[in-house]
Amino acid sequence: MRWPILYARALRRHLRAFDEDYGYVTIEAFLAARPVITATDSGGPLEFVRDGVNGFICEPDAMALAAAINRLAGDRSLAERLGRAGQFGCARRSRGRRHRAAHWLIRPASRS
């Protein structure tokens, strides 16, 4: 399977990188209209993720991460709303052809 298909089938994208420089994985998740869960010490992703707007920013511990995952798993409409907000914000910020082209490759798959 290619990564666009995996993103399209995912509920959310968890990014637990320590001091990520840019956070390209964050952009990929937003292009796929998926919310991102990251931690306060993640670095680059914090430039894109807005807590409660397009994902969640947690303290870097297992309980905080589990709470964020459970919140999205328990409220699919919240997950969709946050993911769409990330997609919209990413499209607005993106001026490069690469990001615009990727947007058309990563369309959410219909769920059965």
Foldseek 3Di string as FASTA:
>chain_A
DDPLQVLLPDLAAEDEAAQDDAPVVLLLNLLLLFAYEYEPRHHRCVVQHDDQQQHHYFHPDDVRVVVRVVVSVVDSVSRNRSSPSSNVVSVVPDDDPVSVVSSVVRYRDDDD
